[in-house]
Amino acid sequence: MQQIVMIVLCLVIGVVLRWSGKLPDNAAKVLSGWVINVALPAAALESMHGLETRPDWWFAAATPWIGVVVSVLVMVPLCRALGWSRGRAGALILVAGWGNTSFVGLPMIAAFAGSQWLGLGIVIDLFGSYLALSTLGLAIAAVASEGRLDLKAVGKRIVTFPPFIAILIAFATNHMARPEWLDQLITALAGTLTPLALAAVGYALRLDQVARRLAPLGVGLVYRLGVAPLLLIGLYTLLGQTGDMVAKVAMLEMAMPPMLGASVIAMDNDLEPDLIASLIGIGVPLSMLTAWGWWTVISAL
């Protein structure tokens, strides 16, 4: 509950800071820069250290990738049919394709499935959501913002992307002992991710713009909170694994609201920041209800 209250509070703080006029207009960019270059890498280093995994977790870790691929297959033709811009399509793919499998997903796992499954949630988050964001997400952002896929440029962005580097370092040093001061430093830096990312979203959120974007807002939220979890439930049903607790946790994670990291990257590439902020600002509180509904369905399978 504390994590949920913090999420809502930080969104409100961002909105209030914008209304107050005490920060410059580019404040959201500055906050996003910190999140991408400092907080996200620290979160990867913190989450992975000392983590024990199981072989049957890796398909669950691949499910965020499946959700993203399906979102591309759905959003691209849909946006073309509706005459929406390339930037809007990119924004919808990034924010609706990725779920918040960490700062909303992990508390949800603890609340519904039990804290013993938090390790699986971290694996899904790091090797599913964050790794996909650090590679495929950057490519999508580049195509949406520039209109072309320059493989050399995208490859350079990936290998120099701080969260991607941090995931590689975290994986390589998983069981290496770290000094206590270093652990404390990494934890402190990782702790800035949620408040600053949400403050950036709240700062970009313009409630007066919501009515002008009801159609794309609806499309993004319906996919993220409805279609994506339904598709994964269908996949696990076909595989005959719906009774497996690993599958249930993966299905719950797929029902999470839009991912903060993906929204920050989308805003950093100027992909309809108002729409992105609205998707987060409405999607996160709404997911408190929809996630409970999905878990009711999932636990009955």
Protein backbone atom coordinates (compact mmCIF):
# COMPACT_ATOMS: atom_id res chain seq x y z
CA MET A 1 0.00 0.00 0.00
CA GLN A 2 2.86 2.39 0.83
CA GLN A 3 4.26 1.98 -2.71
CA ILE A 4 0.88 2.72 -4.28
CA VAL A 5 0.42 5.84 -2.14
CA MET A 6 3.90 7.00 -3.16
CA ILE A 7 3.10 6.54 -6.86
CA VAL A 8 -0.04 8.66 -6.65
CA LEU A 9 1.65 11.27 -4.43
CA CYS A 10 4.62 11.72 -6.79
CA LEU A 11 2.28 12.17 -9.76
CA VAL A 12 0.43 14.86 -7.83
CA ILE A 13 3.70 16.54 -6.83
CA GLY A 14 4.70 16.77 -10.49
CA VAL A 15 1.34 18.33 -11.39
CA VAL A 16 1.59 20.83 -8.51
CA LEU A 17 5.14 21.81 -9.47
CA ARG A 18 3.98 22.62 -13.00
CA TRP A 19 1.06 24.67 -11.72
CA SER A 20 3.33 26.53 -9.30
CA GLY A 21 5.62 27.78 -12.07
CA LYS A 22 8.64 27.29 -9.81
CA LEU A 23 10.47 25.07 -12.28
CA PRO A 24 11.55 25.84 -15.86
CA ASP A 25 9.58 24.46 -18.80
CA ASN A 26 12.25 21.84 -19.53
CA ALA A 27 12.10 20.41 -16.00
CA ALA A 28 10.54 17.16 -17.25
CA LYS A 29 13.52 16.67 -19.60
CA VAL A 30 15.98 17.21 -16.75
CA LEU A 31 14.15 14.76 -14.49
CA SER A 32 13.96 12.23 -17.34
CA GLY A 33 17.69 12.57 -17.94
CA TRP A 34 18.41 11.61 -14.34
CA VAL A 35 16.03 8.65 -14.54
CA ILE A 36 17.60 7.26 -17.72
CA ASN A 37 21.25 7.86 -16.88
CA VAL A 38 21.32 7.27 -13.12
CA ALA A 39 18.18 5.81 -11.52
CA LEU A 40 17.38 3.04 -14.05
CA PRO A 41 20.96 1.68 -14.09
CA ALA A 42 21.08 1.75 -10.28
CA ALA A 43 17.76 -0.11 -10.10
CA ALA A 44 19.13 -2.85 -12.37
CA LEU A 45 22.28 -3.19 -10.27
CA GLU A 46 20.26 -3.32 -7.07
CA SER A 47 17.62 -5.81 -8.23
CA MET A 48 19.93 -8.36 -9.85
CA HIS A 49 22.57 -8.65 -7.14
CA GLY A 50 22.50 -12.04 -5.44
CA LEU A 51 19.30 -13.08 -7.23
CA GLU A 52 18.72 -16.84 -7.50
CA THR A 53 16.79 -18.00 -10.58
CA ARG A 54 15.03 -21.17 -11.69
CA PRO A 55 15.02 -22.70 -15.19
CA ASP A 56 11.21 -22.58 -15.43
CA TRP A 57 11.27 -18.79 -14.97
CA TRP A 58 12.76 -17.95 -18.35
CA PHE A 59 9.62 -18.35 -20.44
CA ALA A 60 7.86 -16.04 -17.98
CA ALA A 61 10.73 -13.57 -18.47
CA ALA A 62 10.06 -13.66 -22.23
CA THR A 63 6.39 -12.71 -21.88
CA PRO A 64 6.99 -8.91 -21.85
CA TRP A 65 8.75 -9.33 -25.21
CA ILE A 66 5.67 -11.12 -26.52
CA GLY A 67 3.47 -8.27 -25.32
CA VAL A 68 5.63 -5.70 -27.07
CA VAL A 69 5.73 -7.60 -30.38
CA VAL A 70 1.95 -7.98 -30.35
CA SER A 71 1.56 -4.27 -29.55
CA VAL A 72 3.61 -3.42 -32.66
CA LEU A 73 1.48 -5.76 -34.79
CA VAL A 74 -1.70 -4.16 -33.42
CA MET A 75 -0.77 -0.48 -33.10
CA VAL A 76 1.00 0.12 -36.42
CA PRO A 77 -1.89 -0.92 -38.73
CA LEU A 78 -4.48 0.55 -36.34
CA CYS A 79 -2.75 3.95 -36.25
CA ARG A 80 -2.41 3.93 -40.04
CA ALA A 81 -6.10 3.10 -40.45
CA LEU A 82 -7.04 5.97 -38.11
CA GLY A 83 -4.67 8.40 -39.82
CA TRP A 84 -2.59 8.94 -36.68
CA SER A 85 0.99 10.18 -36.87
CA ARG A 86 4.11 8.05 -36.65
CA GLY A 87 4.94 9.77 -33.38
CA ARG A 88 1.59 8.82 -31.86
CA ALA A 89 2.04 5.22 -32.97
CA GLY A 90 5.47 5.15 -31.34
CA ALA A 91 4.11 6.65 -28.13
CA LEU A 92 1.32 4.06 -27.95
CA ILE A 93 3.68 1.15 -28.62
CA LEU A 94 6.17 2.31 -25.99
CA VAL A 95 3.71 3.16 -23.25
CA ALA A 96 1.04 0.54 -23.93
CA GLY A 97 3.44 -2.22 -24.99
CA TRP A 98 5.47 -2.18 -21.78
CA GLY A 99 3.93 -2.86 -18.37
CA ASN A 100 5.15 -1.49 -15.06
CA THR A 101 6.52 -4.81 -13.83
CA SER A 102 8.62 -3.27 -11.08
CA PHE A 103 7.30 -0.43 -8.94
CA VAL A 104 3.66 -1.40 -9.43
CA GLY A 105 4.14 -5.04 -10.40
CA LEU A 106 6.29 -6.14 -7.46
CA PRO A 107 3.93 -4.80 -4.77
CA MET A 108 1.06 -6.44 -6.65
CA ILE A 109 2.90 -9.78 -6.65
CA ALA A 110 3.52 -9.50 -2.90
CA ALA A 111 -0.12 -8.59 -2.26
CA PHE A 112 -1.76 -11.23 -4.46
CA ALA A 113 0.70 -14.11 -4.99
CA GLY A 114 2.94 -13.73 -1.94
CA SER A 115 6.39 -12.24 -1.32
CA GLN A 116 8.06 -15.59 -2.07
CA TRP A 117 7.45 -14.84 -5.77
CA LEU A 118 9.21 -11.46 -5.81
CA GLY A 119 12.36 -13.07 -7.25
CA LEU A 120 10.37 -14.19 -10.29
CA GLY A 121 8.94 -10.68 -10.61
CA ILE A 122 12.46 -9.23 -10.65
CA VAL A 123 13.54 -11.69 -13.38
CA ILE A 124 10.48 -10.77 -15.50
CA ASP A 125 11.24 -7.09 -14.94
CA LEU A 126 14.98 -7.17 -15.70
CA PHE A 127 15.25 -9.73 -18.50
CA GLY A 128 11.79 -9.06 -19.89
CA SER A 129 10.72 -5.44 -19.53
CA TYR A 130 14.04 -3.62 -19.03
CA LEU A 131 16.09 -5.66 -21.49
CA ALA A 132 13.38 -5.29 -24.15
CA LEU A 133 13.20 -1.56 -23.45
CA SER A 134 16.99 -1.18 -23.67
CA THR A 135 17.07 -2.82 -27.12
CA LEU A 136 13.76 -3.07 -28.97
CA GLY A 137 12.36 -0.02 -27.19
CA LEU A 138 15.21 2.19 -28.34
CA ALA A 139 14.76 0.99 -31.93
CA ILE A 140 11.02 1.78 -31.80
CA ALA A 141 11.71 5.24 -30.35
CA ALA A 142 14.28 5.94 -33.08
CA VAL A 143 11.92 4.91 -35.91
CA ALA A 144 9.01 6.86 -34.42
CA SER A 145 11.00 10.05 -33.91
CA GLU A 146 13.24 9.98 -37.01
CA GLY A 147 11.10 8.05 -39.49
CA ARG A 148 13.78 5.54 -40.40
CA LEU A 149 15.78 2.71 -38.89
CA ASP A 150 19.50 3.42 -38.97
CA LEU A 151 20.89 0.14 -37.63
CA LYS A 152 24.33 1.61 -36.93
CA ALA A 153 22.88 4.56 -35.00
CA VAL A 154 20.41 2.37 -33.09
CA GLY A 155 23.14 -0.14 -32.28
CA LYS A 156 25.30 2.66 -30.90
CA ARG A 157 22.40 3.94 -28.79
CA ILE A 158 21.82 0.45 -27.39
CA VAL A 159 25.43 -0.31 -26.43
CA THR A 160 25.81 3.13 -24.85
CA PHE A 161 22.40 3.10 -23.14
CA PRO A 162 23.14 3.21 -19.38
CA PRO A 163 20.37 0.77 -18.29
CA PHE A 164 21.55 -1.78 -20.88
CA ILE A 165 25.14 -1.50 -19.66
CA ALA A 166 23.93 -1.83 -16.07
CA ILE A 167 21.99 -5.03 -16.87
CA LEU A 168 25.13 -6.59 -18.38
CA ILE A 169 27.22 -5.56 -15.38
CA ALA A 170 24.54 -6.80 -12.97
CA PHE A 171 24.40 -10.16 -14.72
CA ALA A 172 28.20 -10.52 -14.77
CA THR A 173 28.61 -9.58 -11.10
CA ASN A 174 25.47 -11.26 -9.79
CA HIS A 175 27.18 -13.29 -7.04
CA MET A 176 30.20 -11.09 -6.40
CA ALA A 177 30.44 -9.59 -2.93
CA ARG A 178 30.01 -5.81 -2.77
CA PRO A 179 31.14 -3.46 0.00
CA GLU A 180 28.32 -2.28 2.23
CA TRP A 181 28.91 1.36 1.29
CA LEU A 182 28.50 0.50 -2.40
CA ASP A 183 25.26 -1.37 -1.75
CA GLN A 184 23.93 1.61 0.20
CA LEU A 185 24.93 4.02 -2.57
CA ILE A 186 23.26 1.93 -5.29
CA THR A 187 20.12 1.53 -3.19
CA ALA A 188 19.94 5.29 -2.57
CA LEU A 189 20.30 6.08 -6.29
CA ALA A 190 17.77 3.40 -7.28
CA GLY A 191 15.34 4.87 -4.77
CA THR A 192 15.14 8.05 -6.85
CA LEU A 193 13.61 6.22 -9.83
CA THR A 194 9.95 6.17 -8.82
CA PRO A 195 9.65 9.70 -7.38
CA LEU A 196 11.57 11.43 -10.17
CA ALA A 197 10.05 9.45 -13.05
CA LEU A 198 6.55 10.06 -11.75
CA ALA A 199 7.29 13.70 -11.01
CA ALA A 200 8.43 14.07 -14.64
CA VAL A 201 5.21 12.45 -15.85
CA GLY A 202 3.10 14.59 -13.52
CA TYR A 203 4.93 17.70 -14.69
CA ALA A 204 4.11 16.83 -18.30
CA LEU A 205 0.50 15.92 -17.49
CA ARG A 206 -1.97 18.53 -18.74
CA LEU A 207 -5.45 17.63 -17.64
CA ASP A 208 -6.94 20.13 -20.09
CA GLN A 209 -5.45 18.07 -22.96
CA VAL A 210 -7.05 14.77 -21.93
CA ALA A 211 -10.38 15.46 -23.67
CA ARG A 212 -8.53 16.11 -26.96
CA ARG A 213 -6.86 12.71 -26.84
CA LEU A 214 -9.63 10.43 -25.66
CA ALA A 215 -9.36 8.08 -28.65
CA PRO A 216 -5.60 7.29 -28.42
CA LEU A 217 -5.86 7.30 -24.63
CA GLY A 218 -8.60 4.69 -24.82
CA VAL A 219 -6.67 2.59 -27.33
CA GLY A 220 -3.53 2.60 -25.19
CA LEU A 221 -5.28 1.77 -21.92
CA VAL A 222 -7.55 -0.89 -23.42
CA TYR A 223 -4.53 -2.66 -24.89
CA ARG A 224 -2.35 -2.31 -21.80
CA LEU A 225 -4.92 -3.17 -19.13
CA GLY A 226 -7.22 -5.43 -21.13
CA VAL A 227 -5.91 -6.94 -24.35
CA ALA A 228 -2.34 -7.71 -23.21
CA PRO A 229 -3.28 -9.77 -20.12
CA LEU A 230 -6.08 -11.51 -22.03
CA LEU A 231 -3.65 -12.56 -24.78
CA LEU A 232 -1.17 -14.00 -22.28
CA ILE A 233 -3.92 -15.87 -20.46
CA GLY A 234 -4.92 -17.31 -23.83
CA LEU A 235 -1.33 -18.35 -24.57
CA TYR A 236 -0.87 -20.10 -21.24
CA THR A 237 -4.27 -21.77 -21.72
CA LEU A 238 -3.11 -23.17 -25.07
CA LEU A 239 0.06 -24.43 -23.38
CA GLY A 240 -1.99 -26.01 -20.59
CA GLN A 241 -0.02 -24.17 -17.88
CA THR A 242 -2.61 -21.90 -16.30
CA GLY A 243 -2.47 -23.86 -13.05
CA ASP A 244 1.27 -23.24 -12.65
CA MET A 245 2.10 -20.48 -10.16
CA VAL A 246 4.94 -19.19 -12.37
CA ALA A 247 2.40 -18.70 -15.17
CA LYS A 248 -0.02 -16.95 -12.81
CA VAL A 249 2.65 -14.44 -11.74
CA ALA A 250 3.60 -13.80 -15.38
CA MET A 251 -0.06 -13.19 -16.26
CA LEU A 252 -0.42 -10.79 -13.33
CA GLU A 253 2.65 -8.85 -14.46
CA MET A 254 1.19 -8.54 -17.95
CA ALA A 255 -1.83 -6.79 -16.39
CA MET A 256 0.28 -3.94 -15.02
CA PRO A 257 -0.17 -0.29 -16.10
CA PRO A 258 2.19 1.54 -18.51
CA MET A 259 5.89 1.34 -17.61
CA LEU A 260 7.59 4.44 -16.23
CA GLY A 261 10.89 3.77 -18.03
CA ALA A 262 9.17 3.43 -21.40
CA SER A 263 7.23 6.64 -20.81
CA VAL A 264 10.45 8.50 -19.97
CA ILE A 265 12.10 7.30 -23.20
CA ALA A 266 9.01 8.27 -25.20
CA MET A 267 8.97 11.76 -23.67
CA ASP A 268 12.71 12.09 -24.17
CA ASN A 269 12.08 11.51 -27.90
CA ASP A 270 9.18 14.04 -27.95
CA LEU A 271 6.60 11.38 -28.82
CA GLU A 272 3.39 13.17 -27.76
CA PRO A 273 4.39 13.92 -24.14
CA ASP A 274 0.84 15.03 -23.27
CA LEU A 275 -0.58 11.67 -24.38
CA ILE A 276 2.14 9.75 -22.58
CA ALA A 277 1.57 11.64 -19.34
CA SER A 278 -2.17 11.03 -19.58
CA LEU A 279 -1.67 7.30 -20.15
CA ILE A 280 0.48 7.08 -17.00
CA GLY A 281 -1.62 9.48 -14.94
CA ILE A 282 -4.85 7.60 -15.63
CA GLY A 283 -3.45 4.12 -16.20
CA VAL A 284 -1.64 3.72 -12.88
CA PRO A 285 -4.61 4.51 -10.59
CA LEU A 286 -7.00 2.57 -12.86
CA SER A 287 -4.75 -0.50 -12.70
CA MET A 288 -5.37 -0.79 -8.97
CA LEU A 289 -8.87 -1.95 -9.89
CA THR A 290 -8.17 -3.86 -13.10
CA ALA A 291 -5.23 -5.82 -11.61
CA TRP A 292 -7.49 -7.04 -8.80
CA GLY A 293 -10.05 -8.10 -11.41
CA TRP A 294 -7.47 -9.96 -13.47
CA TRP A 295 -6.03 -11.71 -10.43
CA THR A 296 -9.54 -12.91 -9.56
CA VAL A 297 -9.73 -14.46 -13.03
CA ILE A 298 -6.14 -15.80 -12.96
CA SER A 299 -6.41 -17.40 -9.53
CA ALA A 300 -9.58 -19.23 -10.63
CA LEU A 301 -7.84 -20.88 -13.61
